[in-house]
Structure formats: structure tokens, C-alpha cells
PDB file of all heavy atoms in Angstrom:
ATOM      1  N   ASN A   1      23.656 157.917 155.199  1.00  0.00           N
ATOM      2  CA  ASN A   1      24.425 159.022 155.654  1.00  0.00           C
ATOM      3  C   ASN A   1      25.403 158.620 156.714  1.00  0.00           C
ATOM      4  O   ASN A   1      26.493 159.254 156.844  1.00  0.00           O
ATOM      5  CB  ASN A   1      23.497 160.104 156.211  1.00  0.00           C
ATOM      6  CG  ASN A   1      22.674 160.796 155.112  1.00  0.00           C
ATOM      7  OD1 ASN A   1      23.180 160.922 154.007  1.00  0.00           O
ATOM      8  ND2 ASN A   1      21.514 161.260 155.410  1.00  0.00           N
ATOM      9  N   GLU A   2      25.190 157.529 157.424  1.00  0.00           N
ATOM     10  CA  GLU A   2      26.080 157.124 158.504  1.00  0.00           C
ATOM     11  C   GLU A   2      27.426 156.738 157.924  1.00  0.00           C
ATOM     12  O   GLU A   2      28.464 156.872 158.543  1.00  0.00           O
ATOM     13  CB  GLU A   2      25.464 155.937 159.226  1.00  0.00           C
ATOM     14  CG  GLU A   2      26.296 155.436 160.360  1.00  0.00           C
ATOM     15  CD  GLU A   2      25.674 154.201 161.050  1.00  0.00           C
ATOM     16  OE1 GLU A   2      24.598 153.829 160.647  1.00  0.00           O
ATOM     17  OE2 GLU A   2      26.325 153.659 161.955  1.00  0.00           O
ATOM     18  N   TYR A   3      27.422 156.213 156.675  1.00  0.00           N
ATOM     19  CA  TYR A   3      28.648 155.744 156.039  1.00  0.00           C
ATOM     20  C   TYR A   3      29.085 156.632 154.844  1.00  0.00           C
ATOM     21  O   TYR A   3      29.982 156.248 154.111  1.00  0.00           O
ATOM     22  CB  TYR A   3      28.465 154.307 155.530  1.00  0.00           C
ATOM     23  CG  TYR A   3      28.078 153.357 156.653  1.00  0.00           C
ATOM     24  CD1 TYR A   3      26.836 152.738 156.649  1.00  0.00           C
ATOM     25  CD2 TYR A   3      28.995 153.022 157.638  1.00  0.00           C
ATOM     26  CE1 TYR A   3      26.491 151.825 157.653  1.00  0.00           C
ATOM     27  CE2 TYR A   3      28.636 152.155 158.709  1.00  0.00           C
ATOM     28  CZ  TYR A   3      27.393 151.553 158.661  1.00  0.00           C
ATOM     29  OH  TYR A   3      27.029 150.695 159.643  1.00  0.00           O
ATOM     30  N   LYS A   4      28.458 157.789 154.718  1.00  0.00           N
ATOM     31  CA  LYS A   4      28.729 158.625 153.547  1.00  0.00           C
ATOM     32  C   LYS A   4      30.215 159.011 153.487  1.00  0.00           C
ATOM     33  O   LYS A   4      30.805 158.973 152.408  1.00  0.00           O
ATOM     34  CB  LYS A   4      27.889 159.853 153.602  1.00  0.00           C
ATOM     35  CG  LYS A   4      28.014 160.699 152.336  1.00  0.00           C
ATOM     36  CD  LYS A   4      27.073 161.902 152.381  1.00  0.00           C
ATOM     37  CE  LYS A   4      27.200 162.717 151.086  1.00  0.00           C
ATOM     38  NZ  LYS A   4      26.311 163.913 151.119  1.00  0.00           N
ATOM     39  N   TYR A   5      30.822 159.364 154.612  1.00  0.00           N
ATOM     40  CA  TYR A   5      32.233 159.766 154.603  1.00  0.00           C
ATOM     41  C   TYR A   5      33.137 158.626 154.192  1.00  0.00           C
ATOM     42  O   TYR A   5      34.148 158.816 153.523  1.00  0.00           O
ATOM     43  CB  TYR A   5      32.615 160.308 155.929  1.00  0.00           C
ATOM     44  CG  TYR A   5      32.807 159.339 157.048  1.00  0.00           C
ATOM     45  CD1 TYR A   5      34.046 158.898 157.420  1.00  0.00           C
ATOM     46  CD2 TYR A   5      31.727 158.839 157.740  1.00  0.00           C
ATOM     47  CE1 TYR A   5      34.248 157.955 158.400  1.00  0.00           C
ATOM     48  CE2 TYR A   5      31.891 157.947 158.752  1.00  0.00           C
ATOM     49  CZ  TYR A   5      33.167 157.468 159.041  1.00  0.00           C
ATOM     50  OH  TYR A   5      33.324 156.557 160.040  1.00  0.00           O
ATOM     51  N   ILE A   6      32.783 157.385 154.619  1.00  0.00           N
ATOM     52  CA  ILE A   6      33.565 156.209 154.228  1.00  0.00           C
ATOM     53  C   ILE A   6      33.429 155.977 152.766  1.00  0.00           C
ATOM     54  O   ILE A   6      34.417 155.669 152.043  1.00  0.00           O
ATOM     55  CB  ILE A   6      33.105 154.974 155.026  1.00  0.00           C
ATOM     56  CG1 ILE A   6      33.282 155.203 156.529  1.00  0.00           C
ATOM     57  CG2 ILE A   6      33.879 153.740 154.606  1.00  0.00           C
ATOM     58  CD1 ILE A   6      32.799 154.060 157.404  1.00  0.00           C
ATOM     59  N   GLN A   7      32.219 156.084 152.232  1.00  0.00           N
ATOM     60  CA  GLN A   7      31.955 155.926 150.838  1.00  0.00           C
ATOM     61  C   GLN A   7      32.794 156.872 149.973  1.00  0.00           C
ATOM     62  O   GLN A   7      33.430 156.539 149.035  1.00  0.00           O
ATOM     63  CB  GLN A   7      30.436 156.142 150.580  1.00  0.00           C
ATOM     64  CG  GLN A   7      30.055 155.962 149.113  1.00  0.00           C
ATOM     65  CD  GLN A   7      28.537 156.138 148.965  1.00  0.00           C
ATOM     66  OE1 GLN A   7      27.798 155.194 149.342  1.00  0.00           O
ATOM     67  NE2 GLN A   7      28.063 157.223 148.489  1.00  0.00           N
ATOM     68  N   GLU A   8      32.804 158.177 150.370  1.00  0.00           N
ATOM     69  CA  GLU A   8      33.559 159.182 149.683  1.00  0.00           C
ATOM     70  C   GLU A   8      35.054 158.915 149.760  1.00  0.00           C
ATOM     71  O   GLU A   8      35.772 159.114 148.761  1.00  0.00           O
ATOM     72  CB  GLU A   8      33.246 160.590 150.263  1.00  0.00           C
ATOM     73  CG  GLU A   8      31.776 161.037 149.966  1.00  0.00           C
ATOM     74  CD  GLU A   8      31.463 162.308 150.646  1.00  0.00           C
ATOM     75  OE1 GLU A   8      32.238 162.816 151.507  1.00  0.00           O
ATOM     76  OE2 GLU A   8      30.437 162.913 150.339  1.00  0.00           O
ATOM     77  N   ASP A   9      35.513 158.438 150.882  1.00  0.00           N
ATOM     78  CA  ASP A   9      36.935 158.148 151.064  1.00  0.00           C
ATOM     79  C   ASP A   9      37.381 156.977 150.173  1.00  0.00           C
ATOM     80  O   ASP A   9      38.417 157.007 149.512  1.00  0.00           O
ATOM     81  CB  ASP A   9      37.231 157.811 152.518  1.00  0.00           C
ATOM     82  CG  ASP A   9      38.711 157.782 152.812  1.00  0.00           C
ATOM     83  OD1 ASP A   9      39.475 158.600 152.235  1.00  0.00           O
ATOM     84  OD2 ASP A   9      39.146 156.876 153.582  1.00  0.00           O
ATOM     85  N   LEU A  10      36.499 155.964 150.041  1.00  0.00           N
ATOM     86  CA  LEU A  10      36.785 154.806 149.199  1.00  0.00           C
ATOM     87  C   LEU A  10      36.804 155.195 147.758  1.00  0.00           C
ATOM     88  O   LEU A  10      37.590 154.741 146.952  1.00  0.00           O
ATOM     89  CB  LEU A  10      35.792 153.693 149.477  1.00  0.00           C
ATOM     90  CG  LEU A  10      35.960 152.883 150.772  1.00  0.00           C
ATOM     91  CD1 LEU A  10      34.758 151.967 150.950  1.00  0.00           C
ATOM     92  CD2 LEU A  10      37.224 152.101 150.718  1.00  0.00           C
ATOM     93  N   CYS A  11      35.843 156.089 147.381  1.00  0.00           N
ATOM     94  CA  CYS A  11      35.790 156.564 145.976  1.00  0.00           C
ATOM     95  C   CYS A  11      37.077 157.224 145.598  1.00  0.00           C
ATOM     96  O   CYS A  11      37.617 156.994 144.473  1.00  0.00           O
ATOM     97  CB  CYS A  11      34.655 157.555 145.776  1.00  0.00           C
ATOM     98  SG  CYS A  11      32.985 156.824 145.781  1.00  0.00           S
ATOM     99  N   GLU A  12      37.602 158.020 146.536  1.00  0.00           N
ATOM    100  CA  GLU A  12      38.879 158.752 146.275  1.00  0.00           C
ATOM    101  C   GLU A  12      40.050 157.799 146.161  1.00  0.00           C
ATOM    102  O   GLU A  12      40.903 157.877 145.275  1.00  0.00           O
ATOM    103  CB  GLU A  12      39.099 159.793 147.346  1.00  0.00           C
ATOM    104  CG  GLU A  12      40.434 160.513 147.277  1.00  0.00           C
ATOM    105  CD  GLU A  12      40.580 161.357 146.022  1.00  0.00           C
ATOM    106  OE1 GLU A  12      39.542 161.780 145.444  1.00  0.00           O
ATOM    107  OE2 GLU A  12      41.783 161.540 145.586  1.00  0.00           O
ATOM    108  N   LYS A  13      40.112 156.854 147.118  1.00  0.00           N
ATOM    109  CA  LYS A  13      41.268 155.958 147.151  1.00  0.00           C
ATOM    110  C   LYS A  13      41.301 154.973 145.997  1.00  0.00           C
ATOM    111  O   LYS A  13      42.341 154.634 145.446  1.00  0.00           O
ATOM    112  CB  LYS A  13      41.209 155.149 148.512  1.00  0.00           C
ATOM    113  CG  LYS A  13      41.770 155.959 149.681  1.00  0.00           C
ATOM    114  CD  LYS A  13      41.851 155.099 150.960  1.00  0.00           C
ATOM    115  CE  LYS A  13      42.605 155.796 152.061  1.00  0.00           C
ATOM    116  NZ  LYS A  13      42.030 157.074 152.418  1.00  0.00           N
ATOM    117  N   LEU A  14      40.098 154.506 145.563  1.00  0.00           N
ATOM    118  CA  LEU A  14      40.030 153.494 144.580  1.00  0.00           C
ATOM    119  C   LEU A  14      39.862 154.078 143.150  1.00  0.00           C
ATOM    120  O   LEU A  14      39.956 153.376 142.119  1.00  0.00           O
ATOM    121  CB  LEU A  14      38.896 152.508 144.839  1.00  0.00           C
ATOM    122  CG  LEU A  14      39.000 151.748 146.144  1.00  0.00           C
ATOM    123  CD1 LEU A  14      37.799 150.808 146.281  1.00  0.00           C
ATOM    124  CD2 LEU A  14      40.273 150.944 146.214  1.00  0.00           C
ATOM    125  N   GLY A  15      39.478 155.359 143.089  1.00  0.00           N
ATOM    126  CA  GLY A  15      39.321 155.998 141.798  1.00  0.00           C
ATOM    127  C   GLY A  15      38.146 155.478 140.984  1.00  0.00           C
ATOM    128  O   GLY A  15      38.216 155.400 139.775  1.00  0.00           O
ATOM    129  N   THR A  16      37.089 155.099 141.702  1.00  0.00           N
ATOM    130  CA  THR A  16      35.891 154.558 141.045  1.00  0.00           C
ATOM    131  C   THR A  16      34.701 154.814 141.930  1.00  0.00           C
ATOM    132  O   THR A  16      34.803 155.240 143.060  1.00  0.00           O
ATOM    133  CB  THR A  16      36.040 153.059 140.706  1.00  0.00           C
ATOM    134  OG1 THR A  16      35.006 152.640 139.863  1.00  0.00           O
ATOM    135  CG2 THR A  16      36.020 152.227 142.032  1.00  0.00           C
ATOM    136  N   LYS A  17      33.487 154.503 141.435  1.00  0.00           N
ATOM    137  CA  LYS A  17      32.266 154.647 142.219  1.00  0.00           C
ATOM    138  C   LYS A  17      32.192 153.583 143.257  1.00  0.00           C
ATOM    139  O   LYS A  17      32.410 152.399 142.961  1.00  0.00           O
ATOM    140  CB  LYS A  17      31.041 154.628 141.303  1.00  0.00           C
ATOM    141  CG  LYS A  17      30.853 155.857 140.429  1.00  0.00           C
ATOM    142  CD  LYS A  17      29.533 155.862 139.731  1.00  0.00           C
ATOM    143  CE  LYS A  17      29.301 157.156 138.976  1.00  0.00           C
ATOM    144  NZ  LYS A  17      28.022 157.147 138.233  1.00  0.00           N
ATOM    145  N   VAL A  18      31.800 153.952 144.481  1.00  0.00           N
ATOM    146  CA  VAL A  18      31.627 153.060 145.521  1.00  0.00           C
ATOM    147  C   VAL A  18      30.315 153.387 146.243  1.00  0.00           C
ATOM    148  O   VAL A  18      30.012 154.489 146.495  1.00  0.00           O
ATOM    149  CB  VAL A  18      32.756 153.099 146.584  1.00  0.00           C
ATOM    150  CG1 VAL A  18      32.484 152.192 147.771  1.00  0.00           C
ATOM    151  CG2 VAL A  18      34.088 152.727 145.927  1.00  0.00           C
ATOM    152  N   LYS A  19      29.463 152.365 146.480  1.00  0.00           N
ATOM    153  CA  LYS A  19      28.191 152.562 147.195  1.00  0.00           C
ATOM    154  C   LYS A  19      28.146 151.666 148.453  1.00  0.00           C
ATOM    155  O   LYS A  19      28.542 150.491 148.360  1.00  0.00           O
ATOM    156  CB  LYS A  19      27.013 152.157 146.282  1.00  0.00           C
ATOM    157  CG  LYS A  19      26.786 153.116 145.129  1.00  0.00           C
ATOM    158  CD  LYS A  19      25.372 152.910 144.483  1.00  0.00           C
ATOM    159  CE  LYS A  19      25.334 151.539 143.763  1.00  0.00           C
ATOM    160  NZ  LYS A  19      24.022 151.434 143.045  1.00  0.00           N
ATOM    161  N   ILE A  20      27.729 152.292 149.516  1.00  0.00           N
ATOM    162  CA  ILE A  20      27.492 151.469 150.715  1.00  0.00           C
ATOM    163  C   ILE A  20      25.957 151.513 150.998  1.00  0.00           C
ATOM    164  O   ILE A  20      25.375 152.579 151.236  1.00  0.00           O
ATOM    165  CB  ILE A  20      28.234 152.082 151.967  1.00  0.00           C
ATOM    166  CG1 ILE A  20      29.734 152.050 151.692  1.00  0.00           C
ATOM    167  CG2 ILE A  20      27.904 151.346 153.209  1.00  0.00           C
ATOM    168  CD1 ILE A  20      30.577 152.660 152.794  1.00  0.00           C
ATOM    169  N   LYS A  21      25.361 150.394 150.887  1.00  0.00           N
ATOM    170  CA  LYS A  21      23.893 150.310 150.957  1.00  0.00           C
ATOM    171  C   LYS A  21      23.454 148.939 151.465  1.00  0.00           C
ATOM    172  O   LYS A  21      23.982 147.886 151.070  1.00  0.00           O
ATOM    173  CB  LYS A  21      23.299 150.593 149.544  1.00  0.00           C
ATOM    174  CG  LYS A  21      21.785 150.663 149.525  1.00  0.00           C
ATOM    175  CD  LYS A  21      21.332 150.965 148.085  1.00  0.00           C
ATOM    176  CE  LYS A  21      19.849 151.075 147.975  1.00  0.00           C
ATOM    177  NZ  LYS A  21      19.414 151.384 146.618  1.00  0.00           N
ATOM    178  N   ASN A  22      22.564 148.931 152.381  1.00  0.00           N
ATOM    179  CA  ASN A  22      21.991 147.694 152.954  1.00  0.00           C
ATOM    180  C   ASN A  22      23.093 146.751 153.462  1.00  0.00           C
ATOM    181  O   ASN A  22      23.125 145.602 153.200  1.00  0.00           O
ATOM    182  CB  ASN A  22      21.146 146.969 151.850  1.00  0.00           C
ATOM    183  CG  ASN A  22      19.967 147.754 151.382  1.00  0.00           C
ATOM    184  OD1 ASN A  22      19.409 148.570 152.188  1.00  0.00           O
ATOM    185  ND2 ASN A  22      19.597 147.618 150.112  1.00  0.00           N
ATOM    186  N   ASN A  23      24.042 147.387 154.236  1.00  0.00           N
ATOM    187  CA  ASN A  23      25.147 146.638 154.785  1.00  0.00           C
ATOM    188  C   ASN A  23      26.013 145.929 153.761  1.00  0.00           C
ATOM    189  O   ASN A  23      26.596 144.875 154.045  1.00  0.00           O
ATOM    190  CB  ASN A  23      24.637 145.611 155.790  1.00  0.00           C
ATOM    191  CG  ASN A  23      23.991 146.289 157.026  1.00  0.00           C
ATOM    192  OD1 ASN A  23      24.376 147.363 157.392  1.00  0.00           O
ATOM    193  ND2 ASN A  23      22.942 145.614 157.537  1.00  0.00           N
ATOM    194  N   LYS A  24      26.088 146.521 152.540  1.00  0.00           N
ATOM    195  CA  LYS A  24      26.948 145.954 151.512  1.00  0.00           C
ATOM    196  C   LYS A  24      27.764 147.113 150.924  1.00  0.00           C
ATOM    197  O   LYS A  24      27.285 148.243 150.821  1.00  0.00           O
ATOM    198  CB  LYS A  24      26.138 145.354 150.405  1.00  0.00           C
ATOM    199  CG  LYS A  24      25.354 144.059 150.820  1.00  0.00           C
ATOM    200  CD  LYS A  24      24.564 143.478 149.647  1.00  0.00           C
ATOM    201  CE  LYS A  24      23.808 142.301 150.067  1.00  0.00           C
ATOM    202  NZ  LYS A  24      22.994 141.718 148.893  1.00  0.00           N
ATOM    203  N   ILE A  25      28.956 146.765 150.447  1.00  0.00           N
ATOM    204  CA  ILE A  25      29.854 147.736 149.790  1.00  0.00           C
ATOM    205  C   ILE A  25      29.882 147.257 148.303  1.00  0.00           C
ATOM    206  O   ILE A  25      30.335 146.143 147.996  1.00  0.00           O
ATOM    207  CB  ILE A  25      31.261 147.751 150.388  1.00  0.00           C
ATOM    208  CG1 ILE A  25      31.225 148.205 151.801  1.00  0.00           C
ATOM    209  CG2 ILE A  25      32.178 148.722 149.573  1.00  0.00           C
ATOM    210  CD1 ILE A  25      32.562 148.260 152.531  1.00  0.00           C
ATOM    211  N   GLU A  26      29.467 148.155 147.416  1.00  0.00           N
ATOM    212  CA  GLU A  26      29.523 147.873 145.976  1.00  0.00           C
ATOM    213  C   GLU A  26      30.589 148.734 145.325  1.00  0.00           C
ATOM    214  O   GLU A  26      30.605 149.944 145.411  1.00  0.00           O
ATOM    215  CB  GLU A  26      28.171 148.157 145.327  1.00  0.00           C
ATOM    216  CG  GLU A  26      27.063 147.291 145.845  1.00  0.00           C
ATOM    217  CD  GLU A  26      25.727 147.554 145.165  1.00  0.00           C
ATOM    218  OE1 GLU A  26      25.715 148.392 144.233  1.00  0.00           O
ATOM    219  OE2 GLU A  26      24.683 147.083 145.636  1.00  0.00           O
ATOM    220  N   ILE A  27      31.618 148.069 144.713  1.00  0.00           N
ATOM    221  CA  ILE A  27      32.694 148.760 144.068  1.00  0.00           C
ATOM    222  C   ILE A  27      32.580 148.542 142.557  1.00  0.00           C
ATOM    223  O   ILE A  27      32.514 147.436 142.035  1.00  0.00           O
ATOM    224  CB  ILE A  27      34.046 148.193 144.533  1.00  0.00           C
ATOM    225  CG1 ILE A  27      34.147 148.382 146.059  1.00  0.00           C
ATOM    226  CG2 ILE A  27      35.181 148.935 143.833  1.00  0.00           C
ATOM    227  CD1 ILE A  27      35.390 147.717 146.645  1.00  0.00           C
ATOM    228  N   SER A  28      32.469 149.668 141.824  1.00  0.00           N
ATOM    229  CA  SER A  28      32.274 149.609 140.386  1.00  0.00           C
ATOM    230  C   SER A  28      33.560 149.473 139.653  1.00  0.00           C
ATOM    231  O   SER A  28      34.580 150.060 140.062  1.00  0.00           O
ATOM    232  CB  SER A  28      31.539 150.860 139.873  1.00  0.00           C
ATOM    233  OG  SER A  28      30.292 150.978 140.509  1.00  0.00           O
ATOM    234  N   PHE A  29      33.598 148.696 138.569  1.00  0.00           N
ATOM    235  CA  PHE A  29      34.741 148.623 137.650  1.00  0.00           C
ATOM    236  C   PHE A  29      34.201 148.458 136.259  1.00  0.00           C
ATOM    237  O   PHE A  29      33.129 147.876 136.056  1.00  0.00           O
ATOM    238  CB  PHE A  29      35.725 147.540 138.036  1.00  0.00           C
ATOM    239  CG  PHE A  29      35.149 146.147 137.996  1.00  0.00           C
ATOM    240  CD1 PHE A  29      35.240 145.384 136.819  1.00  0.00           C
ATOM    241  CD2 PHE A  29      34.461 145.598 139.089  1.00  0.00           C
ATOM    242  CE1 PHE A  29      34.801 144.101 136.764  1.00  0.00           C
ATOM    243  CE2 PHE A  29      33.984 144.321 139.003  1.00  0.00           C
ATOM    244  CZ  PHE A  29      34.092 143.558 137.849  1.00  0.00           C
ATOM    245  N   VAL A  30      34.943 148.948 135.232  1.00  0.00           N
ATOM    246  CA  VAL A  30      34.404 148.947 133.850  1.00  0.00           C
ATOM    247  C   VAL A  30      34.893 147.787 133.044  1.00  0.00           C
ATOM    248  O   VAL A  30      34.315 147.461 132.004  1.00  0.00           O
ATOM    249  CB  VAL A  30      34.726 150.294 133.171  1.00  0.00           C
ATOM    250  CG1 VAL A  30      34.011 151.448 133.826  1.00  0.00           C
ATOM    251  CG2 VAL A  30      36.240 150.510 133.141  1.00  0.00           C
ATOM    252  N   ASN A  31      36.043 147.179 133.424  1.00  0.00           N
ATOM    253  CA  ASN A  31      36.546 146.065 132.637  1.00  0.00           C
ATOM    254  C   ASN A  31      37.651 145.370 133.466  1.00  0.00           C
ATOM    255  O   ASN A  31      37.940 145.719 134.608  1.00  0.00           O
ATOM    256  CB  ASN A  31      37.117 146.501 131.273  1.00  0.00           C
ATOM    257  CG  ASN A  31      38.085 147.666 131.428  1.00  0.00           C
ATOM    258  OD1 ASN A  31      38.993 147.631 132.296  1.00  0.00           O
ATOM    259  ND2 ASN A  31      37.985 148.669 130.557  1.00  0.00           N
ATOM    260  N   GLY A  32      38.272 144.327 132.858  1.00  0.00           N
ATOM    261  CA  GLY A  32      39.264 143.570 133.541  1.00  0.00           C
ATOM    262  C   GLY A  32      40.409 144.410 134.003  1.00  0.00           C
ATOM    263  O   GLY A  32      40.959 144.216 135.109  1.00  0.00           O
ATOM    264  N   ASN A  33      40.932 145.305 133.124  1.00  0.00           N
ATOM    265  CA  ASN A  33      42.069 146.116 133.490  1.00  0.00           C
ATOM    266  C   ASN A  33      41.744 147.007 134.694  1.00  0.00           C
ATOM    267  O   ASN A  33      42.594 147.221 135.603  1.00  0.00           O
ATOM    268  CB  ASN A  33      42.454 147.039 132.291  1.00  0.00           C
ATOM    269  CG  ASN A  33      43.202 146.277 131.218  1.00  0.00           C
ATOM    270  OD1 ASN A  33      43.681 145.188 131.475  1.00  0.00           O
ATOM    271  ND2 ASN A  33      43.320 146.859 130.053  1.00  0.00           N
ATOM    272  N   ASP A  34      40.540 147.551 134.684  1.00  0.00           N
ATOM    273  CA  ASP A  34      40.162 148.440 135.798  1.00  0.00           C
ATOM    274  C   ASP A  34      40.035 147.623 137.081  1.00  0.00           C
ATOM    275  O   ASP A  34      40.438 148.074 138.173  1.00  0.00           O
ATOM    276  CB  ASP A  34      38.801 149.109 135.460  1.00  0.00           C
ATOM    277  CG  ASP A  34      38.517 150.280 136.400  1.00  0.00           C
ATOM    278  OD1 ASP A  34      39.480 150.883 136.934  1.00  0.00           O
ATOM    279  OD2 ASP A  34      37.317 150.549 136.638  1.00  0.00           O
ATOM    280  N   LEU A  35      39.505 146.399 136.976  1.00  0.00           N
ATOM    281  CA  LEU A  35      39.406 145.529 138.220  1.00  0.00           C
ATOM    282  C   LEU A  35      40.806 145.215 138.749  1.00  0.00           C
ATOM    283  O   LEU A  35      41.030 145.271 139.897  1.00  0.00           O
ATOM    284  CB  LEU A  35      38.678 144.234 137.813  1.00  0.00           C
ATOM    285  CG  LEU A  35      38.611 143.179 138.934  1.00  0.00           C
ATOM    286  CD1 LEU A  35      37.922 143.717 140.180  1.00  0.00           C
ATOM    287  CD2 LEU A  35      37.915 141.900 138.392  1.00  0.00           C
ATOM    288  N   ASN A  36      41.738 144.926 137.849  1.00  0.00           N
ATOM    289  CA  ASN A  36      43.120 144.638 138.307  1.00  0.00           C
ATOM    290  C   ASN A  36      43.729 145.804 138.989  1.00  0.00           C
ATOM    291  O   ASN A  36      44.445 145.680 139.972  1.00  0.00           O
ATOM    292  CB  ASN A  36      43.983 144.242 137.090  1.00  0.00           C
ATOM    293  CG  ASN A  36      43.665 142.814 136.612  1.00  0.00           C
ATOM    294  OD1 ASN A  36      43.179 141.986 137.385  1.00  0.00           O
ATOM    295  ND2 ASN A  36      43.874 142.538 135.360  1.00  0.00           N
ATOM    296  N   ARG A  37      43.435 146.996 138.442  1.00  0.00           N
ATOM    297  CA  ARG A  37      43.941 148.266 139.070  1.00  0.00           C
ATOM    298  C   ARG A  37      43.415 148.408 140.500  1.00  0.00           C
ATOM    299  O   ARG A  37      44.195 148.699 141.411  1.00  0.00           O
ATOM    300  CB  ARG A  37      43.487 149.482 138.232  1.00  0.00           C
ATOM    301  CG  ARG A  37      43.976 150.825 138.786  1.00  0.00           C
ATOM    302  CD  ARG A  37      43.292 151.960 138.010  1.00  0.00           C
ATOM    303  NE  ARG A  37      41.878 151.992 138.191  1.00  0.00           N
ATOM    304  CZ  ARG A  37      41.246 152.505 139.219  1.00  0.00           C
ATOM    305  NH1 ARG A  37      41.948 153.077 140.162  1.00  0.00           N
ATOM    306  NH2 ARG A  37      39.936 152.464 139.301  1.00  0.00           N
TER     307      ARG A  37
END
């Protein structure tokens, strides 16, 4: 919850799922094109 607002902001800016957990940021992408984006 401490980083929830940052997580939501990153989701909006990057247009993908973002998780902040255990002092790590996980950014989801579905394929190479999405990663490049």
C-alpha cells in the first residue's frame, strides 16, 4: 500500500501492468513490439 499510488501511476504512464512487491518493480509486456513501446 505504501507504493500503490506509484504503481497506479506507472500503469497509466506505461499502458501495462506494473507490480511493486518485495522492493522490486515488475513491468509486464506481451511481446517484442510491446517491450519496444
